[in-house]
C-alpha cells in the first residue's frame, strides 16, 4: 500500500486521498517517528503494531495484553498505550490514547 501525506485543506484540517487500491494509508509522526497508518473511518481505536510501538519508544515489557478483539483473521489481544503526540499534515494531537496488538491467535 502506497502511503500518502495529509495535506492541508481548510484551516486546522487535513485531507487524505486513497491510494491506487482505494486504501487510505497516511504517513503520520508519532512522537517524531514516522509511522504508516491505515485510516478506517469506522475504527474506534488507534492501533500500533508491536514493531511501531517499539520504534516510538514504548517498552513492550510493560504491556499487559488484556482486551480481546474478534476479527475476520481470528482473535487478537491488545494493551493500552499513551502516545505523546501524533502529527498528520498540519494537525497535531497531544497525549493520545492508543493500543498495540499481539499476533492473532
PDB file of N, CA and C in Angstrom:
ATOM      1  N   UNK A   1       0.838  -1.175   0.000  1.00  0.00           N
ATOM      2  CA  UNK A   1       0.000   0.000   0.000  1.00  0.00           C
ATOM      3  C   UNK A   1       0.883   1.238   0.000  1.00  0.00           C
ATOM      4  N   UNK A   2       0.643   2.112  -0.887  1.00  0.00           N
ATOM      5  CA  UNK A   2       1.410   3.337  -1.001  1.00  0.00           C
ATOM      6  C   UNK A   2       0.843   4.376  -0.041  1.00  0.00           C
ATOM      7  N   UNK A   3       1.662   4.893   0.888  1.00  0.00           N
ATOM      8  CA  UNK A   3       1.149   5.888   1.823  1.00  0.00           C
ATOM      9  C   UNK A   3       1.047   7.267   1.188  1.00  0.00           C
ATOM     10  N   UNK A   4       0.174   8.063   1.722  1.00  0.00           N
ATOM     11  CA  UNK A   4       0.021   9.457   1.313  1.00  0.00           C
ATOM     12  C   UNK A   4       0.337  10.321   2.521  1.00  0.00           C
ATOM     13  N   UNK A   5       0.572  11.579   2.268  1.00  0.00           N
ATOM     14  CA  UNK A   5       0.750  12.519   3.358  1.00  0.00           C
ATOM     15  C   UNK A   5      -0.520  13.335   3.481  1.00  0.00           C
ATOM     16  N   UNK A   6      -0.890  13.664   4.730  1.00  0.00           N
ATOM     17  CA  UNK A   6      -2.031  14.540   4.933  1.00  0.00           C
ATOM     18  C   UNK A   6      -1.686  15.918   4.401  1.00  0.00           C
ATOM     19  N   UNK A   7      -2.563  16.490   3.622  1.00  0.00           N
ATOM     20  CA  UNK A   7      -2.316  17.820   3.084  1.00  0.00           C
ATOM     21  C   UNK A   7      -3.343  18.775   3.651  1.00  0.00           C
ATOM     22  N   UNK A   8      -2.914  19.983   3.856  1.00  0.00           N
ATOM     23  CA  UNK A   8      -3.778  20.991   4.447  1.00  0.00           C
ATOM     24  C   UNK A   8      -4.953  21.278   3.539  1.00  0.00           C
ATOM     25  N   UNK A   9      -6.121  21.280   4.113  1.00  0.00           N
ATOM     26  CA  UNK A   9      -7.334  21.669   3.396  1.00  0.00           C
ATOM     27  C   UNK A   9      -7.790  22.989   3.974  1.00  0.00           C
ATOM     28  N   UNK A  10      -8.791  22.942   4.798  1.00  0.00           N
ATOM     29  CA  UNK A  10      -9.239  24.142   5.484  1.00  0.00           C
ATOM     30  C   UNK A  10      -8.349  24.369   6.698  1.00  0.00           C
ATOM     31  N   UNK A  11      -8.359  25.563   7.274  1.00  0.00           N
ATOM     32  CA  UNK A  11      -7.535  25.812   8.463  1.00  0.00           C
ATOM     33  C   UNK A  11      -7.841  24.791   9.564  1.00  0.00           C
ATOM     34  N   UNK A  12      -6.780  24.153  10.069  1.00  0.00           N
ATOM     35  CA  UNK A  12      -6.930  23.158  11.120  1.00  0.00           C
ATOM     36  C   UNK A  12      -7.374  21.799  10.627  1.00  0.00           C
ATOM     37  N   UNK A  13      -7.434  21.593   9.312  1.00  0.00           N
ATOM     38  CA  UNK A  13      -7.873  20.317   8.757  1.00  0.00           C
ATOM     39  C   UNK A  13      -6.854  19.728   7.825  1.00  0.00           C
ATOM     40  N   UNK A  14      -7.064  18.471   7.477  1.00  0.00           N
ATOM     41  CA  UNK A  14      -6.189  17.790   6.525  1.00  0.00           C
ATOM     42  C   UNK A  14      -7.031  16.873   5.667  1.00  0.00           C
ATOM     43  N   UNK A  15      -6.616  16.681   4.436  1.00  0.00           N
ATOM     44  CA  UNK A  15      -7.276  15.762   3.516  1.00  0.00           C
ATOM     45  C   UNK A  15      -6.346  14.608   3.219  1.00  0.00           C
ATOM     46  N   UNK A  16      -6.915  13.417   3.123  1.00  0.00           N
ATOM     47  CA  UNK A  16      -6.156  12.223   2.772  1.00  0.00           C
ATOM     48  C   UNK A  16      -6.860  11.590   1.592  1.00  0.00           C
ATOM     49  N   UNK A  17      -6.109  11.328   0.530  1.00  0.00           N
ATOM     50  CA  UNK A  17      -6.713  10.722  -0.658  1.00  0.00           C
ATOM     51  C   UNK A  17      -6.357   9.239  -0.690  1.00  0.00           C
ATOM     52  N   UNK A  18      -7.238   8.421  -1.244  1.00  0.00           N
ATOM     53  CA  UNK A  18      -6.947   6.986  -1.291  1.00  0.00           C
ATOM     54  C   UNK A  18      -5.820   6.679  -2.266  1.00  0.00           C
ATOM     55  N   UNK A  19      -5.124   5.574  -1.999  1.00  0.00           N
ATOM     56  CA  UNK A  19      -4.088   5.125  -2.925  1.00  0.00           C
ATOM     57  C   UNK A  19      -4.747   4.411  -4.095  1.00  0.00           C
ATOM     58  N   UNK A  20      -3.956   3.855  -4.990  1.00  0.00           N
ATOM     59  CA  UNK A  20      -4.493   3.226  -6.192  1.00  0.00           C
ATOM     60  C   UNK A  20      -5.402   2.037  -5.879  1.00  0.00           C
ATOM     61  N   UNK A  21      -5.217   1.406  -4.713  1.00  0.00           N
ATOM     62  CA  UNK A  21      -6.061   0.287  -4.315  1.00  0.00           C
ATOM     63  C   UNK A  21      -7.309   0.711  -3.561  1.00  0.00           C
ATOM     64  N   UNK A  22      -7.461   2.022  -3.342  1.00  0.00           N
ATOM     65  CA  UNK A  22      -8.627   2.527  -2.632  1.00  0.00           C
ATOM     66  C   UNK A  22      -8.454   2.598  -1.127  1.00  0.00           C
ATOM     67  N   UNK A  23      -7.257   2.270  -0.615  1.00  0.00           N
ATOM     68  CA  UNK A  23      -6.995   2.317   0.827  1.00  0.00           C
ATOM     69  C   UNK A  23      -6.507   3.706   1.222  1.00  0.00           C
ATOM     70  N   UNK A  24      -6.890   4.128   2.399  1.00  0.00           N
ATOM     71  CA  UNK A  24      -6.422   5.401   2.943  1.00  0.00           C
ATOM     72  C   UNK A  24      -5.255   5.100   3.874  1.00  0.00           C
ATOM     73  N   UNK A  25      -4.045   5.213   3.351  1.00  0.00           N
ATOM     74  CA  UNK A  25      -2.823   4.960   4.107  1.00  0.00           C
ATOM     75  C   UNK A  25      -2.099   6.283   4.215  1.00  0.00           C
ATOM     76  N   UNK A  26      -1.794   6.688   5.446  1.00  0.00           N
ATOM     77  CA  UNK A  26      -1.212   8.008   5.644  1.00  0.00           C
ATOM     78  C   UNK A  26       0.059   7.916   6.493  1.00  0.00           C
ATOM     79  N   UNK A  27       1.032   8.726   6.115  1.00  0.00           N
ATOM     80  CA  UNK A  27       2.242   8.850   6.928  1.00  0.00           C
ATOM     81  C   UNK A  27       1.936   9.822   8.056  1.00  0.00           C
ATOM     82  N   UNK A  28       2.134   9.369   9.281  1.00  0.00           N
ATOM     83  CA  UNK A  28       1.975  10.223  10.452  1.00  0.00           C
ATOM     84  C   UNK A  28       3.322  10.272  11.167  1.00  0.00           C
ATOM     85  N   UNK A  29       3.386  11.131  12.148  1.00  0.00           N
ATOM     86  CA  UNK A  29       4.553  11.153  13.028  1.00  0.00           C
ATOM     87  C   UNK A  29       4.051  10.953  14.438  1.00  0.00           C
ATOM     88  N   UNK A  30       4.514   9.877  15.072  1.00  0.00           N
ATOM     89  CA  UNK A  30       4.177   9.582  16.458  1.00  0.00           C
ATOM     90  C   UNK A  30       5.420   9.891  17.262  1.00  0.00           C
ATOM     91  N   UNK A  31       5.318  10.904  18.110  1.00  0.00           N
ATOM     92  CA  UNK A  31       6.479  11.341  18.893  1.00  0.00           C
ATOM     93  C   UNK A  31       7.707  11.503  17.997  1.00  0.00           C
ATOM     94  N   UNK A  32       7.521  12.159  16.857  1.00  0.00           N
ATOM     95  CA  UNK A  32       8.562  12.499  15.888  1.00  0.00           C
ATOM     96  C   UNK A  32       9.129  11.310  15.107  1.00  0.00           C
ATOM     97  N   UNK A  33       8.491  10.139  15.187  1.00  0.00           N
ATOM     98  CA  UNK A  33       8.907   8.972  14.419  1.00  0.00           C
ATOM     99  C   UNK A  33       7.856   8.694  13.349  1.00  0.00           C
ATOM    100  N   UNK A  34       8.277   8.536  12.097  1.00  0.00           N
ATOM    101  CA  UNK A  34       7.356   8.267  11.002  1.00  0.00           C
ATOM    102  C   UNK A  34       6.698   6.899  11.183  1.00  0.00           C
ATOM    103  N   UNK A  35       5.356   6.880  11.123  1.00  0.00           N
ATOM    104  CA  UNK A  35       4.580   5.648  11.241  1.00  0.00           C
ATOM    105  C   UNK A  35       3.480   5.689  10.187  1.00  0.00           C
ATOM    106  N   UNK A  36       3.318   4.594   9.465  1.00  0.00           N
ATOM    107  CA  UNK A  36       2.254   4.496   8.470  1.00  0.00           C
ATOM    108  C   UNK A  36       1.002   3.917   9.129  1.00  0.00           C
ATOM    109  N   UNK A  37      -0.138   4.555   8.895  1.00  0.00           N
ATOM    110  CA  UNK A  37      -1.410   4.072   9.415  1.00  0.00           C
ATOM    111  C   UNK A  37      -2.395   3.873   8.277  1.00  0.00           C
ATOM    112  N   UNK A  38      -3.226   2.861   8.402  1.00  0.00           N
ATOM    113  CA  UNK A  38      -4.396   2.721   7.546  1.00  0.00           C
ATOM    114  C   UNK A  38      -5.512   3.463   8.272  1.00  0.00           C
ATOM    115  N   UNK A  39      -6.159   4.386   7.575  1.00  0.00           N
ATOM    116  CA  UNK A  39      -7.240   5.162   8.175  1.00  0.00           C
ATOM    117  C   UNK A  39      -8.548   4.442   7.890  1.00  0.00           C
ATOM    118  N   UNK A  40      -9.257   4.107   8.961  1.00  0.00           N
ATOM    119  CA  UNK A  40     -10.551   3.432   8.864  1.00  0.00           C
ATOM    120  C   UNK A  40     -11.563   4.315   9.575  1.00  0.00           C
ATOM    121  N   UNK A  41     -12.485   4.904   8.825  1.00  0.00           N
ATOM    122  CA  UNK A  41     -13.434   5.837   9.426  1.00  0.00           C
ATOM    123  C   UNK A  41     -14.371   5.161  10.412  1.00  0.00           C
ATOM    124  N   UNK A  42     -14.444   3.847  10.398  1.00  0.00           N
ATOM    125  CA  UNK A  42     -15.286   3.136  11.344  1.00  0.00           C
ATOM    126  C   UNK A  42     -14.534   2.635  12.561  1.00  0.00           C
ATOM    127  N   UNK A  43     -13.249   2.892  12.630  1.00  0.00           N
ATOM    128  CA  UNK A  43     -12.435   2.393  13.741  1.00  0.00           C
ATOM    129  C   UNK A  43     -12.652   3.223  15.002  1.00  0.00           C
ATOM    130  N   UNK A  44     -12.530   2.555  16.139  1.00  0.00           N
ATOM    131  CA  UNK A  44     -12.693   3.227  17.426  1.00  0.00           C
ATOM    132  C   UNK A  44     -11.371   3.531  18.107  1.00  0.00           C
ATOM    133  N   UNK A  45     -10.313   2.874  17.683  1.00  0.00           N
ATOM    134  CA  UNK A  45      -9.023   2.989  18.366  1.00  0.00           C
ATOM    135  C   UNK A  45      -7.898   3.265  17.385  1.00  0.00           C
ATOM    136  N   UNK A  46      -6.816   3.816  17.927  1.00  0.00           N
ATOM    137  CA  UNK A  46      -5.564   3.968  17.194  1.00  0.00           C
ATOM    138  C   UNK A  46      -4.713   2.765  17.574  1.00  0.00           C
ATOM    139  N   UNK A  47      -4.390   1.939  16.590  1.00  0.00           N
ATOM    140  CA  UNK A  47      -3.657   0.701  16.840  1.00  0.00           C
ATOM    141  C   UNK A  47      -2.267   0.785  16.225  1.00  0.00           C
ATOM    142  N   UNK A  48      -1.260   0.547  17.055  1.00  0.00           N
ATOM    143  CA  UNK A  48       0.123   0.456  16.574  1.00  0.00           C
ATOM    144  C   UNK A  48       0.535  -1.001  16.576  1.00  0.00           C
ATOM    145  N   UNK A  49       1.312  -1.375  15.582  1.00  0.00           N
ATOM    146  CA  UNK A  49       1.912  -2.709  15.612  1.00  0.00           C
ATOM    147  C   UNK A  49       2.943  -2.734  16.737  1.00  0.00           C
ATOM    148  N   UNK A  50       3.323  -3.916  17.161  1.00  0.00           N
ATOM    149  CA  UNK A  50       4.344  -4.036  18.193  1.00  0.00           C
ATOM    150  C   UNK A  50       5.654  -3.408  17.718  1.00  0.00           C
ATOM    151  N   UNK A  51       6.003  -3.629  16.447  1.00  0.00           N
ATOM    152  CA  UNK A  51       7.236  -3.055  15.899  1.00  0.00           C
ATOM    153  C   UNK A  51       7.195  -1.527  15.940  1.00  0.00           C
ATOM    154  N   UNK A  52       6.049  -0.928  15.555  1.00  0.00           N
ATOM    155  CA  UNK A  52       5.939   0.528  15.593  1.00  0.00           C
ATOM    156  C   UNK A  52       5.944   1.044  17.027  1.00  0.00           C
ATOM    157  N   UNK A  53       5.322   0.310  17.938  1.00  0.00           N
ATOM    158  CA  UNK A  53       5.334   0.719  19.349  1.00  0.00           C
ATOM    159  C   UNK A  53       6.770   0.790  19.869  1.00  0.00           C
ATOM    160  N   UNK A  54       7.577  -0.196  19.515  1.00  0.00           N
ATOM    161  CA  UNK A  54       8.992  -0.190  19.918  1.00  0.00           C
ATOM    162  C   UNK A  54       9.727   0.985  19.282  1.00  0.00           C
ATOM    163  N   UNK A  55       9.447   1.242  17.976  1.00  0.00           N
ATOM    164  CA  UNK A  55      10.148   2.321  17.277  1.00  0.00           C
ATOM    165  C   UNK A  55       9.859   3.691  17.879  1.00  0.00           C
ATOM    166  N   UNK A  56       8.656   3.892  18.428  1.00  0.00           N
ATOM    167  CA  UNK A  56       8.323   5.199  19.013  1.00  0.00           C
ATOM    168  C   UNK A  56       8.738   5.284  20.481  1.00  0.00           C
ATOM    169  N   UNK A  57       9.411   4.233  20.988  1.00  0.00           N
ATOM    170  CA  UNK A  57       9.987   4.296  22.318  1.00  0.00           C
ATOM    171  C   UNK A  57       9.163   3.686  23.434  1.00  0.00           C
ATOM    172  N   UNK A  58       8.117   2.922  23.106  1.00  0.00           N
ATOM    173  CA  UNK A  58       7.334   2.262  24.147  1.00  0.00           C
ATOM    174  C   UNK A  58       8.025   0.977  24.579  1.00  0.00           C
ATOM    175  N   UNK A  59       7.856   0.599  25.832  1.00  0.00           N
ATOM    176  CA  UNK A  59       8.513  -0.572  26.400  1.00  0.00           C
ATOM    177  C   UNK A  59       7.579  -1.771  26.398  1.00  0.00           C
ATOM    178  N   UNK A  60       7.789  -2.751  25.511  1.00  0.00           N
ATOM    179  CA  UNK A  60       6.896  -3.899  25.442  1.00  0.00           C
ATOM    180  C   UNK A  60       6.842  -4.726  26.722  1.00  0.00           C
ATOM    181  N   UNK A  61       7.880  -4.644  27.547  1.00  0.00           N
ATOM    182  CA  UNK A  61       7.870  -5.389  28.807  1.00  0.00           C
ATOM    183  C   UNK A  61       6.820  -4.848  29.777  1.00  0.00           C
ATOM    184  N   UNK A  62       6.346  -3.640  29.540  1.00  0.00           N
ATOM    185  CA  UNK A  62       5.335  -3.048  30.417  1.00  0.00           C
ATOM    186  C   UNK A  62       3.909  -3.322  29.918  1.00  0.00           C
ATOM    187  N   UNK A  63       3.768  -3.979  28.769  1.00  0.00           N
ATOM    188  CA  UNK A  63       2.451  -4.209  28.187  1.00  0.00           C
ATOM    189  C   UNK A  63       1.702  -5.320  28.914  1.00  0.00           C
ATOM    190  N   UNK A  64       0.405  -5.140  29.069  1.00  0.00           N
ATOM    191  CA  UNK A  64      -0.476  -6.130  29.675  1.00  0.00           C
ATOM    192  C   UNK A  64      -1.619  -6.390  28.698  1.00  0.00           C
ATOM    193  N   UNK A  65      -1.496  -7.430  27.908  1.00  0.00           N
ATOM    194  CA  UNK A  65      -2.481  -7.704  26.855  1.00  0.00           C
ATOM    195  C   UNK A  65      -3.778  -8.203  27.489  1.00  0.00           C
ATOM    196  N   UNK A  66      -4.758  -7.298  27.605  1.00  0.00           N
ATOM    197  CA  UNK A  66      -5.957  -7.602  28.381  1.00  0.00           C
ATOM    198  C   UNK A  66      -7.266  -7.542  27.604  1.00  0.00           C
ATOM    199  N   UNK A  67      -7.296  -6.949  26.439  1.00  0.00           N
ATOM    200  CA  UNK A  67      -8.538  -6.779  25.693  1.00  0.00           C
ATOM    201  C   UNK A  67      -8.496  -7.629  24.432  1.00  0.00           C
ATOM    202  N   UNK A  68      -9.547  -8.431  24.232  1.00  0.00           N
ATOM    203  CA  UNK A  68      -9.619  -9.303  23.059  1.00  0.00           C
ATOM    204  C   UNK A  68     -10.428  -8.642  21.960  1.00  0.00           C
ATOM    205  N   UNK A  69      -9.947  -8.771  20.731  1.00  0.00           N
ATOM    206  CA  UNK A  69     -10.653  -8.327  19.532  1.00  0.00           C
ATOM    207  C   UNK A  69     -10.947  -9.564  18.702  1.00  0.00           C
ATOM    208  N   UNK A  70     -12.178  -9.724  18.267  1.00  0.00           N
ATOM    209  CA  UNK A  70     -12.525 -10.800  17.354  1.00  0.00           C
ATOM    210  C   UNK A  70     -12.598 -10.200  15.964  1.00  0.00           C
ATOM    211  N   UNK A  71     -11.770 -10.709  15.065  1.00  0.00           N
ATOM    212  CA  UNK A  71     -11.706 -10.181  13.704  1.00  0.00           C
ATOM    213  C   UNK A  71     -11.875 -11.318  12.708  1.00  0.00           C
ATOM    214  N   UNK A  72     -11.940 -10.965  11.456  1.00  0.00           N
ATOM    215  CA  UNK A  72     -12.034 -11.972  10.397  1.00  0.00           C
ATOM    216  C   UNK A  72     -10.804 -12.869  10.369  1.00  0.00           C
ATOM    217  N   UNK A  73      -9.681 -12.391  10.885  1.00  0.00           N
ATOM    218  CA  UNK A  73      -8.436 -13.171  10.892  1.00  0.00           C
ATOM    219  C   UNK A  73      -8.234 -13.962  12.175  1.00  0.00           C
ATOM    220  N   UNK A  74      -9.164 -13.876  13.105  1.00  0.00           N
ATOM    221  CA  UNK A  74      -9.033 -14.579  14.375  1.00  0.00           C
ATOM    222  C   UNK A  74      -9.100 -13.607  15.532  1.00  0.00           C
ATOM    223  N   UNK A  75      -8.645 -14.053  16.694  1.00  0.00           N
ATOM    224  CA  UNK A  75      -8.678 -13.231  17.898  1.00  0.00           C
ATOM    225  C   UNK A  75      -7.297 -12.644  18.157  1.00  0.00           C
ATOM    226  N   UNK A  76      -7.272 -11.357  18.482  1.00  0.00           N
ATOM    227  CA  UNK A  76      -6.023 -10.683  18.839  1.00  0.00           C
ATOM    228  C   UNK A  76      -6.234 -10.044  20.203  1.00  0.00           C
ATOM    229  N   UNK A  77      -5.161  -9.839  20.931  1.00  0.00           N
ATOM    230  CA  UNK A  77      -5.222  -9.188  22.233  1.00  0.00           C
ATOM    231  C   UNK A  77      -4.400  -7.920  22.178  1.00  0.00           C
ATOM    232  N   UNK A  78      -4.831  -6.909  22.915  1.00  0.00           N
ATOM    233  CA  UNK A  78      -4.091  -5.654  22.884  1.00  0.00           C
ATOM    234  C   UNK A  78      -3.916  -5.079  24.278  1.00  0.00           C
ATOM    235  N   UNK A  79      -3.123  -4.032  24.332  1.00  0.00           N
ATOM    236  CA  UNK A  79      -2.850  -3.330  25.581  1.00  0.00           C
ATOM    237  C   UNK A  79      -2.928  -1.828  25.322  1.00  0.00           C
ATOM    238  N   UNK A  80      -3.432  -1.071  26.294  1.00  0.00           N
ATOM    239  CA  UNK A  80      -3.472   0.384  26.101  1.00  0.00           C
ATOM    240  C   UNK A  80      -2.073   0.988  26.186  1.00  0.00           C
ATOM    241  N   UNK A  81      -1.851   2.023  25.393  1.00  0.00           N
ATOM    242  CA  UNK A  81      -0.596   2.779  25.440  1.00  0.00           C
ATOM    243  C   UNK A  81      -0.934   4.264  25.406  1.00  0.00           C
ATOM    244  N   UNK A  82       0.001   5.089  25.803  1.00  0.00           N
ATOM    245  CA  UNK A  82      -0.168   6.543  25.771  1.00  0.00           C
ATOM    246  C   UNK A  82       0.917   7.114  24.879  1.00  0.00           C
ATOM    247  N   UNK A  83       0.503   7.897  23.880  1.00  0.00           N
ATOM    248  CA  UNK A  83       1.433   8.500  22.931  1.00  0.00           C
ATOM    249  C   UNK A  83       1.542   9.987  23.231  1.00  0.00           C
ATOM    250  N   UNK A  84       2.745  10.510  23.180  1.00  0.00           N
ATOM    251  CA  UNK A  84       2.947  11.929  23.457  1.00  0.00           C
ATOM    252  C   UNK A  84       2.227  12.813  22.462  1.00  0.00           C
ATOM    253  N   UNK A  85       2.429  12.551  21.169  1.00  0.00           N
ATOM    254  CA  UNK A  85       1.723  13.316  20.142  1.00  0.00           C
ATOM    255  C   UNK A  85       1.684  12.545  18.835  1.00  0.00           C
ATOM    256  N   UNK A  86       0.674  12.875  18.015  1.00  0.00           N
ATOM    257  CA  UNK A  86       0.529  12.343  16.660  1.00  0.00           C
ATOM    258  C   UNK A  86       0.345  13.539  15.741  1.00  0.00           C
ATOM    259  N   UNK A  87       1.122  13.568  14.656  1.00  0.00           N
ATOM    260  CA  UNK A  87       1.026  14.652  13.674  1.00  0.00           C
ATOM    261  C   UNK A  87       0.611  14.068  12.336  1.00  0.00           C
ATOM    262  N   UNK A  88      -0.453  14.642  11.755  1.00  0.00           N
ATOM    263  CA  UNK A  88      -0.909  14.290  10.406  1.00  0.00           C
ATOM    264  C   UNK A  88      -1.043  15.601   9.652  1.00  0.00           C
ATOM    265  N   UNK A  89      -0.155  15.816   8.685  1.00  0.00           N
ATOM    266  CA  UNK A  89      -0.167  17.094   7.978  1.00  0.00           C
ATOM    267  C   UNK A  89      -0.047  18.227   8.988  1.00  0.00           C
ATOM    268  N   UNK A  90      -0.967  19.199   8.968  1.00  0.00           N
ATOM    269  CA  UNK A  90      -0.883  20.331   9.887  1.00  0.00           C
ATOM    270  C   UNK A  90      -1.530  20.059  11.251  1.00  0.00           C
ATOM    271  N   UNK A  91      -2.118  18.871  11.450  1.00  0.00           N
ATOM    272  CA  UNK A  91      -2.837  18.560  12.683  1.00  0.00           C
ATOM    273  C   UNK A  91      -1.896  17.898  13.676  1.00  0.00           C
ATOM    274  N   UNK A  92      -1.869  18.395  14.911  1.00  0.00           N
ATOM    275  CA  UNK A  92      -1.072  17.804  15.980  1.00  0.00           C
ATOM    276  C   UNK A  92      -2.014  17.488  17.144  1.00  0.00           C
ATOM    277  N   UNK A  93      -2.049  16.226  17.545  1.00  0.00           N
ATOM    278  CA  UNK A  93      -2.820  15.794  18.701  1.00  0.00           C
ATOM    279  C   UNK A  93      -1.843  15.418  19.797  1.00  0.00           C
ATOM    280  N   UNK A  94      -2.103  15.854  21.021  1.00  0.00           N
ATOM    281  CA  UNK A  94      -1.186  15.578  22.129  1.00  0.00           C
ATOM    282  C   UNK A  94      -1.832  14.664  23.158  1.00  0.00           C
ATOM    283  N   UNK A  95      -0.994  13.884  23.843  1.00  0.00           N
ATOM    284  CA  UNK A  95      -1.428  12.976  24.902  1.00  0.00           C
ATOM    285  C   UNK A  95      -2.544  12.074  24.380  1.00  0.00           C
ATOM    286  N   UNK A  96      -2.202  11.239  23.404  1.00  0.00           N
ATOM    287  CA  UNK A  96      -3.177  10.435  22.661  1.00  0.00           C
ATOM    288  C   UNK A  96      -3.215   9.006  23.213  1.00  0.00           C
ATOM    289  N   UNK A  97      -4.434   8.509  23.430  1.00  0.00           N
ATOM    290  CA  UNK A  97      -4.604   7.118  23.829  1.00  0.00           C
ATOM    291  C   UNK A  97      -4.532   6.241  22.584  1.00  0.00           C
ATOM    292  N   UNK A  98      -3.840   5.131  22.707  1.00  0.00           N
ATOM    293  CA  UNK A  98      -3.739   4.187  21.611  1.00  0.00           C
ATOM    294  C   UNK A  98      -3.698   2.781  22.167  1.00  0.00           C
ATOM    295  N   UNK A  99      -3.467   1.819  21.287  1.00  0.00           N
ATOM    296  CA  UNK A  99      -3.374   0.426  21.686  1.00  0.00           C
ATOM    297  C   UNK A  99      -2.311  -0.230  20.797  1.00  0.00           C
ATOM    298  N   UNK A 100      -1.689  -1.266  21.309  1.00  0.00           N
ATOM    299  CA  UNK A 100      -0.814  -2.091  20.492  1.00  0.00           C
ATOM    300  C   UNK A 100      -1.320  -3.509  20.582  1.00  0.00           C
ATOM    301  N   UNK A 101      -1.206  -4.249  19.489  1.00  0.00           N
ATOM    302  CA  UNK A 101      -1.867  -5.544  19.372  1.00  0.00           C
ATOM    303  C   UNK A 101      -0.865  -6.668  19.246  1.00  0.00           C
ATOM    304  N   UNK A 102      -1.253  -7.830  19.768  1.00  0.00           N
ATOM    305  CA  UNK A 102      -0.451  -9.038  19.628  1.00  0.00           C
ATOM    306  C   UNK A 102      -0.723  -9.669  18.274  1.00  0.00           C
ATOM    307  N   UNK A 103       0.002 -10.709  17.983  1.00  0.00           N
ATOM    308  CA  UNK A 103      -0.262 -11.510  16.785  1.00  0.00           C
ATOM    309  C   UNK A 103      -1.571 -12.263  16.994  1.00  0.00           C
ATOM    310  N   UNK A 104      -2.324 -12.446  15.933  1.00  0.00           N
ATOM    311  CA  UNK A 104      -3.586 -13.173  16.003  1.00  0.00           C
ATOM    312  C   UNK A 104      -3.376 -14.593  16.486  1.00  0.00           C
ATOM    313  N   UNK A 105      -4.333 -15.082  17.254  1.00  0.00           N
ATOM    314  CA  UNK A 105      -4.270 -16.461  17.752  1.00  0.00           C
ATOM    315  C   UNK A 105      -5.461 -17.249  17.279  1.00  0.00           C
TER     316      UNK A 105
END
